[in-house]
């Protein structure tokens, strides 16, 4: 049975951050903990959020790591409880938003965070007691502001997914102006993350026509805008379309992702210093080739439809077009250029096989097939 759910409220416009107090009042947050990271604070973006909350008592946790960890969640929960907070405002990229979702669980539920991980059967344990979250994205990549999931590195070093409709932010404030100062390489890497979401969810075999339409439109927007946003960060139209592509990819991936994310989640757990969006960009060509043989992909002409959205002549052009785009954006040429060596492949494959995205790929990969995709991505 297909389950289709679009539930969150989104404020999407330039200057939307000014609506932050209004959304706190609507959601019922009277003493928020703002969750962010040092880079967002240094860039002055956190201050824009604070300026929109001039008379609201609040606390700030600004130590979210590049890949959120269970340790960071614990540290933030201590602040949340000590300051008597009753809700969360995440200001940042996917890391800050996912960290806030982890805090929303840990501040209101007993036991270790792993008890609530999807692959541990934890999704039903995440109850409506979760602390309310308002998400203010400052990158155009993960789309976590409209998604039911979070990715967190737990204490045993696994990079795990946490999924529940109770984790969907109560409000998403999508202000493209907050992305205008994003550096080119981060624009490129997060942008390819958004494009990967649109492509993977469109290739998934699950039945969800609304998600397919949202993902395909998001791919068209993202593919056309990413070079412009990367080369000219002040291009307002490109920034708007990249933020929309990011949001759309996450709205659609309730349908399921696939082998790109199985591999990037696992490798990101093995080496947390690697950027998730960049890893997705590296894995996309090999996974698209692998998925081309899937019965559902062929029956629904999914690669042909993606090629049309990307302005390509043929479905067979997609893998090389992605490699060419990565090169034009200045991203690494492959995993080897990121310092990845084949000696970690066994651990990566083990993690990919256990990842929550593994079984929603249109072809369920074997360990040998994952190894081949890894070699192709070097």
Protein backbone atom coordinates (compact mmCIF):
# COMPACT_ATOMS: atom_id res chain seq x y z
CA UNK A 1 0.00 0.00 0.00
CA UNK A 2 1.29 3.47 -0.89
CA UNK A 3 1.37 6.03 1.93
CA UNK A 4 1.46 9.63 0.71
CA UNK A 5 1.75 12.50 3.18
CA UNK A 6 2.53 16.21 2.71
CA UNK A 7 2.05 17.81 6.08
CA UNK A 8 4.33 20.70 6.97
CA UNK A 9 3.80 24.45 6.61
CA UNK A 10 6.35 26.28 4.45
CA UNK A 11 7.11 29.98 4.22
CA UNK A 12 9.09 30.40 0.99
CA UNK A 13 10.28 33.83 -0.10
CA UNK A 14 13.17 36.25 0.11
CA UNK A 15 13.08 37.76 3.60
CA UNK A 16 10.98 34.94 5.06
CA UNK A 17 13.25 34.76 8.12
CA UNK A 18 11.36 37.80 9.40
CA UNK A 19 8.38 35.49 9.95
CA UNK A 20 10.24 33.47 12.56
CA UNK A 21 8.48 35.02 15.57
CA UNK A 22 5.11 34.58 13.89
CA UNK A 23 5.82 30.88 13.38
CA UNK A 24 7.00 30.44 16.98
CA UNK A 25 3.69 31.90 18.15
CA UNK A 26 1.72 29.64 15.80
CA UNK A 27 3.61 26.51 16.84
CA UNK A 28 3.53 27.43 20.54
CA UNK A 29 7.26 27.77 21.17
CA UNK A 30 7.88 30.34 23.92
CA UNK A 31 11.49 29.57 24.87
CA UNK A 32 13.42 28.07 21.94
CA UNK A 33 16.83 26.52 21.75
CA UNK A 34 18.44 27.70 18.53
CA UNK A 35 20.59 24.93 17.04
CA UNK A 36 23.29 26.07 14.62
CA UNK A 37 27.00 25.66 13.86
CA UNK A 38 30.12 27.83 14.06
CA UNK A 39 30.14 28.58 10.32
CA UNK A 40 26.57 29.89 10.26
CA UNK A 41 27.33 32.01 13.31
CA UNK A 42 30.55 33.40 11.79
CA UNK A 43 28.76 34.24 8.53
CA UNK A 44 26.28 36.44 10.40
CA UNK A 45 23.28 34.31 9.42
CA UNK A 46 22.50 33.32 13.01
CA UNK A 47 22.23 37.01 13.88
CA UNK A 48 19.51 37.46 11.25
CA UNK A 49 17.46 34.82 13.04
CA UNK A 50 18.16 36.41 16.42
CA UNK A 51 17.12 39.81 15.05
CA UNK A 52 13.76 38.30 14.11
CA UNK A 53 13.25 37.23 17.75
CA UNK A 54 14.05 40.43 19.66
CA UNK A 55 11.79 39.87 22.66
CA UNK A 56 11.75 36.09 22.99
CA UNK A 57 13.82 34.39 25.72
CA UNK A 58 16.06 31.83 24.08
CA UNK A 59 19.23 29.77 24.30
CA UNK A 60 21.77 28.95 21.60
CA UNK A 61 23.69 25.76 20.85
CA UNK A 62 26.23 26.63 18.15
CA UNK A 63 28.49 23.57 18.20
CA UNK A 64 26.80 21.29 15.68
CA UNK A 65 29.56 19.34 13.88
CA UNK A 66 29.68 18.94 10.10
CA UNK A 67 28.13 15.50 10.54
CA UNK A 68 25.85 15.59 13.61
CA UNK A 69 26.74 13.14 16.34
CA UNK A 70 25.01 11.58 19.30
CA UNK A 71 27.55 13.38 21.52
CA UNK A 72 26.49 16.76 20.11
CA UNK A 73 22.84 15.84 20.66
CA UNK A 74 23.60 15.05 24.30
CA UNK A 75 25.43 18.34 24.80
CA UNK A 76 22.55 20.30 23.28
CA UNK A 77 19.94 18.43 25.34
CA UNK A 78 21.80 19.52 28.47
CA UNK A 79 21.42 23.16 27.38
CA UNK A 80 17.78 22.60 26.39
CA UNK A 81 16.88 21.19 29.78
CA UNK A 82 18.99 23.61 31.84
CA UNK A 83 17.38 26.61 30.11
CA UNK A 84 13.83 25.25 30.32
CA UNK A 85 13.32 25.30 26.56
CA UNK A 86 10.08 24.13 24.98
CA UNK A 87 11.03 23.90 21.31
CA UNK A 88 13.84 24.08 18.77
CA UNK A 89 14.79 26.40 15.93
CA UNK A 90 17.37 24.91 13.58
CA UNK A 91 19.34 27.53 11.65
CA UNK A 92 21.78 25.97 9.22
CA UNK A 93 22.20 23.21 6.70
CA UNK A 94 21.16 19.60 7.04
CA UNK A 95 23.57 19.04 9.91
CA UNK A 96 21.94 21.62 12.18
CA UNK A 97 18.43 20.55 11.22
CA UNK A 98 19.19 16.86 11.73
CA UNK A 99 20.90 17.64 15.03
CA UNK A 100 17.76 19.51 16.13
CA UNK A 101 15.65 16.48 15.25
CA UNK A 102 17.95 14.29 17.33
CA UNK A 103 17.53 16.73 20.22
CA UNK A 104 13.76 16.67 19.73
CA UNK A 105 13.87 12.91 20.36
CA UNK A 106 16.48 12.76 23.11
CA UNK A 107 15.01 15.63 25.16
CA UNK A 108 11.63 13.92 25.38
CA UNK A 109 12.34 10.17 25.16
CA UNK A 110 14.26 7.87 27.46
CA UNK A 111 17.17 5.64 26.55
CA UNK A 112 20.04 5.87 24.06
CA UNK A 113 19.44 7.47 20.67
CA UNK A 114 20.11 4.17 18.87
CA UNK A 115 16.89 2.82 20.41
CA UNK A 116 15.02 5.09 17.98
CA UNK A 117 17.05 4.40 14.81
CA UNK A 118 15.12 3.10 11.82
CA UNK A 119 17.22 -0.03 11.28
CA UNK A 120 16.85 -0.86 14.99
CA UNK A 121 13.07 -0.85 14.63
CA UNK A 122 12.93 2.47 16.41
CA UNK A 123 10.61 4.51 14.20
CA UNK A 124 7.39 3.51 16.04
CA UNK A 125 9.06 4.46 19.33
CA UNK A 126 9.36 8.11 18.27
CA UNK A 127 6.16 9.51 19.70
CA UNK A 128 4.24 12.76 19.42
CA UNK A 129 6.06 13.87 22.58
CA UNK A 130 8.98 15.01 20.39
CA UNK A 131 9.88 18.65 20.93
CA UNK A 132 8.55 20.91 18.14
CA UNK A 133 11.09 22.03 15.54
CA UNK A 134 11.11 25.05 13.25
CA UNK A 135 13.69 24.72 10.47
CA UNK A 136 15.46 27.63 8.77
CA UNK A 137 17.74 26.16 6.07
CA UNK A 138 20.86 28.11 5.09
CA UNK A 139 21.97 25.73 2.33
CA UNK A 140 20.15 24.19 -0.61
CA UNK A 141 20.91 20.51 -0.25
CA UNK A 142 19.35 18.10 2.22
CA UNK A 143 15.83 19.49 2.34
CA UNK A 144 15.66 18.29 5.93
CA UNK A 145 13.34 21.22 6.69
CA UNK A 146 10.44 19.34 5.07
CA UNK A 147 11.53 15.75 5.72
CA UNK A 148 10.61 13.18 8.33
CA UNK A 149 14.16 11.86 8.73
CA UNK A 150 17.50 12.73 10.29
CA UNK A 151 20.96 11.22 9.86
CA UNK A 152 23.16 11.09 12.96
CA UNK A 153 26.46 9.37 13.76
CA UNK A 154 25.79 7.44 16.96
CA UNK A 155 28.29 6.54 19.66
CA UNK A 156 29.32 3.25 18.00
CA UNK A 157 30.30 5.27 14.85
CA UNK A 158 27.42 4.07 12.67
CA UNK A 159 25.72 6.74 10.57
CA UNK A 160 22.06 5.95 11.20
CA UNK A 161 18.73 7.23 9.96
CA UNK A 162 15.88 8.25 12.25
CA UNK A 163 12.46 8.46 10.60
CA UNK A 164 9.07 9.47 11.94
CA UNK A 165 6.29 11.81 10.85
CA UNK A 166 6.65 13.24 14.36
CA UNK A 167 10.06 14.59 13.29
CA UNK A 168 8.74 16.72 10.43
CA UNK A 169 9.39 20.36 11.38
CA UNK A 170 6.23 22.20 12.36
CA UNK A 171 7.33 25.03 10.09
CA UNK A 172 9.94 25.46 7.38
CA UNK A 173 11.17 28.98 6.69
CA UNK A 174 12.84 28.86 3.29
CA UNK A 175 14.56 32.18 2.67
CA UNK A 176 16.87 32.02 -0.38
CA UNK A 177 18.55 35.21 0.80
CA UNK A 178 20.19 33.22 3.62
CA UNK A 179 22.09 31.19 1.00
CA UNK A 180 23.51 34.18 -0.88
CA UNK A 181 26.83 34.10 0.97
CA UNK A 182 27.34 30.35 0.66
CA UNK A 183 30.84 29.64 -0.77
CA UNK A 184 31.00 28.17 -4.30
CA UNK A 185 32.20 24.70 -3.29
CA UNK A 186 29.56 24.35 -0.61
CA UNK A 187 26.95 25.60 -3.06
CA UNK A 188 28.06 22.93 -5.54
CA UNK A 189 28.25 20.07 -3.03
CA UNK A 190 24.92 20.80 -1.36
CA UNK A 191 23.34 21.44 -4.74
CA UNK A 192 24.41 18.02 -6.01
CA UNK A 193 22.90 16.55 -2.84
CA UNK A 194 19.54 18.09 -3.81
CA UNK A 195 19.89 16.80 -7.37
CA UNK A 196 20.73 13.32 -6.08
CA UNK A 197 17.58 13.34 -3.95
CA UNK A 198 15.44 14.25 -6.95
CA UNK A 199 17.06 11.60 -9.17
CA UNK A 200 17.11 8.76 -6.66
CA UNK A 201 13.55 9.21 -5.48
CA UNK A 202 12.35 9.41 -9.10
CA UNK A 203 14.10 6.12 -9.88
CA UNK A 204 12.63 4.36 -6.83
CA UNK A 205 10.05 1.72 -7.70
CA UNK A 206 7.57 2.73 -5.00
CA UNK A 207 4.19 4.02 -6.18
CA UNK A 208 3.88 7.73 -5.43
CA UNK A 209 2.97 9.80 -8.51
CA UNK A 210 2.91 13.13 -6.62
CA UNK A 211 6.48 12.48 -5.44
CA UNK A 212 7.51 11.63 -9.00
CA UNK A 213 6.15 14.93 -10.31
CA UNK A 214 7.75 16.96 -7.52
CA UNK A 215 11.11 15.21 -7.98
CA UNK A 216 11.18 15.63 -11.76
CA UNK A 217 10.38 19.34 -11.54
CA UNK A 218 13.01 19.70 -8.79
CA UNK A 219 15.60 17.99 -10.98
CA UNK A 220 14.83 20.34 -13.88
CA UNK A 221 15.17 23.39 -11.64
CA UNK A 222 18.30 22.19 -9.87
CA UNK A 223 20.13 21.01 -12.98
CA UNK A 224 19.50 24.33 -14.75
CA UNK A 225 20.45 26.51 -11.76
CA UNK A 226 23.38 24.83 -10.01
CA UNK A 227 26.15 26.20 -12.24
CA UNK A 228 24.69 29.71 -12.07
CA UNK A 229 24.37 29.58 -8.27
CA UNK A 230 27.92 28.23 -7.94
CA UNK A 231 29.58 30.73 -10.25
CA UNK A 232 27.53 33.74 -9.13
CA UNK A 233 26.29 33.39 -5.58
CA UNK A 234 24.29 36.62 -5.83
CA UNK A 235 22.09 35.29 -8.67
CA UNK A 236 18.74 35.51 -6.91
CA UNK A 237 16.81 33.41 -9.41
CA UNK A 238 19.40 30.62 -9.27
CA UNK A 239 19.43 30.70 -5.46
CA UNK A 240 15.63 30.54 -5.37
CA UNK A 241 15.51 27.58 -7.76
CA UNK A 242 18.24 25.70 -5.88
CA UNK A 243 16.38 26.14 -2.60
CA UNK A 244 13.21 24.92 -4.30
CA UNK A 245 15.03 21.89 -5.76
CA UNK A 246 16.34 21.07 -2.30
CA UNK A 247 12.89 21.36 -0.74
CA UNK A 248 11.28 19.36 -3.55
CA UNK A 249 13.82 16.54 -3.34
CA UNK A 250 13.04 16.08 0.33
CA UNK A 251 9.29 16.38 -0.15
CA UNK A 252 9.60 13.57 -2.69
CA UNK A 253 12.01 11.24 -0.95
CA UNK A 254 9.34 10.00 1.41
CA UNK A 255 9.03 7.60 -1.54
CA UNK A 256 12.48 6.19 -0.77
CA UNK A 257 16.08 6.73 -1.86
CA UNK A 258 18.58 4.08 -2.94
CA UNK A 259 22.12 2.88 -3.48
CA UNK A 260 23.66 6.35 -3.77
CA UNK A 261 22.61 7.09 -0.23
CA UNK A 262 23.33 3.59 1.07
CA UNK A 263 26.92 4.06 -0.04
CA UNK A 264 27.31 7.69 1.02
CA UNK A 265 25.76 7.10 4.45
CA UNK A 266 28.10 4.16 5.02
CA UNK A 267 31.27 5.83 3.74
CA UNK A 268 30.37 8.97 5.68
CA UNK A 269 30.21 6.85 8.82
CA UNK A 270 33.60 5.28 8.06
CA UNK A 271 35.12 8.73 7.46
CA UNK A 272 32.96 11.53 8.94
CA UNK A 273 35.19 14.20 7.38
CA UNK A 274 33.78 13.44 3.92
CA UNK A 275 30.96 15.72 2.76
CA UNK A 276 27.69 13.89 2.18
CA UNK A 277 26.61 15.88 -0.88
CA UNK A 278 30.00 15.45 -2.54
CA UNK A 279 29.83 11.69 -1.95
CA UNK A 280 26.39 11.59 -3.57
CA UNK A 281 27.80 13.39 -6.60
CA UNK A 282 30.60 10.80 -6.86
CA UNK A 283 28.25 7.80 -6.62
CA UNK A 284 25.46 9.02 -8.90
CA UNK A 285 26.98 8.00 -12.28
CA UNK A 286 27.67 4.39 -11.22
CA UNK A 287 24.28 3.98 -9.56
CA UNK A 288 22.41 5.40 -12.56
CA UNK A 289 24.18 2.83 -14.76
CA UNK A 290 23.28 0.07 -12.30
CA UNK A 291 19.64 1.18 -12.09
CA UNK A 292 19.26 1.32 -15.87
CA UNK A 293 18.73 -2.46 -15.81
CA UNK A 294 15.89 -2.31 -13.26
CA UNK A 295 12.56 -3.52 -14.63
CA UNK A 296 10.59 -0.67 -13.07
CA UNK A 297 13.01 1.95 -14.42
CA UNK A 298 12.73 0.53 -17.93
CA UNK A 299 8.95 0.07 -17.80
CA UNK A 300 8.32 3.64 -16.65
CA UNK A 301 11.02 5.11 -18.95
CA UNK A 302 12.41 6.84 -15.90
CA UNK A 303 15.90 7.55 -17.26
CA UNK A 304 14.47 8.95 -20.48
CA UNK A 305 12.24 11.27 -18.48
CA UNK A 306 15.17 12.41 -16.34
CA UNK A 307 17.27 13.02 -19.45
CA UNK A 308 14.51 15.24 -20.84
CA UNK A 309 14.39 17.26 -17.59
CA UNK A 310 18.17 17.65 -17.78
CA UNK A 311 18.11 18.75 -21.42
CA UNK A 312 19.99 15.67 -22.62
CA UNK A 313 19.46 13.84 -25.89
CA UNK A 314 19.48 10.33 -24.45
CA UNK A 315 19.17 8.43 -21.17
CA UNK A 316 22.58 6.93 -21.84
CA UNK A 317 24.07 10.43 -21.59
CA UNK A 318 23.12 10.86 -17.92
CA UNK A 319 26.16 9.30 -16.17
CA UNK A 320 28.69 11.21 -18.24
CA UNK A 321 26.65 14.41 -17.94
CA UNK A 322 26.83 14.11 -14.15
CA UNK A 323 30.61 13.58 -14.31
CA UNK A 324 30.94 16.61 -16.58
CA UNK A 325 28.78 18.70 -14.25
CA UNK A 326 30.90 17.68 -11.25
CA UNK A 327 34.02 18.77 -13.15
CA UNK A 328 32.53 22.12 -14.17
CA UNK A 329 31.48 22.76 -10.58
CA UNK A 330 35.03 22.05 -9.36
CA UNK A 331 34.06 18.98 -7.35
CA UNK A 332 36.51 16.04 -7.00
CA UNK A 333 37.00 13.73 -9.96
CA UNK A 334 36.16 10.69 -7.85
CA UNK A 335 36.54 9.02 -4.47
CA UNK A 336 40.32 8.69 -4.84
CA UNK A 337 40.61 12.47 -5.11
CA UNK A 338 38.80 12.63 -1.75
CA UNK A 339 41.38 10.34 -0.16
CA UNK A 340 39.25 7.19 -0.26
CA UNK A 341 41.16 3.94 -0.84
CA UNK A 342 39.87 0.41 -1.58
CA UNK A 343 40.96 -0.90 1.82
CA UNK A 344 37.77 0.61 3.35
CA UNK A 345 35.44 -1.01 0.82
CA UNK A 346 34.58 -4.02 2.98
CA UNK A 347 33.39 -1.77 5.80
CA UNK A 348 31.51 0.49 3.38
CA UNK A 349 29.73 -2.47 1.78
CA UNK A 350 28.76 -3.89 5.16
CA UNK A 351 27.25 -0.55 6.14
CA UNK A 352 25.50 -0.09 2.80
CA UNK A 353 23.83 -3.49 3.05
CA UNK A 354 22.42 -2.52 6.46
CA UNK A 355 21.41 1.02 5.49
CA UNK A 356 17.72 1.98 5.44
CA UNK A 357 18.03 3.10 1.77
CA UNK A 358 19.39 -0.26 0.57
CA UNK A 359 16.06 -1.98 -0.06
CA UNK A 360 14.33 0.98 -1.71
CA UNK A 361 16.74 1.07 -4.65
CA UNK A 362 14.96 -0.18 -7.81
CA UNK A 363 17.56 -2.97 -7.97
CA UNK A 364 18.62 -4.40 -4.61
CA UNK A 365 22.39 -4.60 -4.87
CA UNK A 366 24.54 -7.52 -3.79
CA UNK A 367 27.86 -6.96 -1.99
CA UNK A 368 29.68 -7.69 -5.26
CA UNK A 369 27.58 -5.10 -7.10
CA UNK A 370 28.26 -2.49 -4.42
CA UNK A 371 31.97 -3.24 -4.75
CA UNK A 372 31.77 -2.67 -8.50
CA UNK A 373 29.98 0.66 -7.97
CA UNK A 374 32.68 1.69 -5.51
CA UNK A 375 35.43 0.87 -8.01
CA UNK A 376 33.61 2.75 -10.76
CA UNK A 377 33.39 5.77 -8.45
CA UNK A 378 37.11 5.88 -7.62
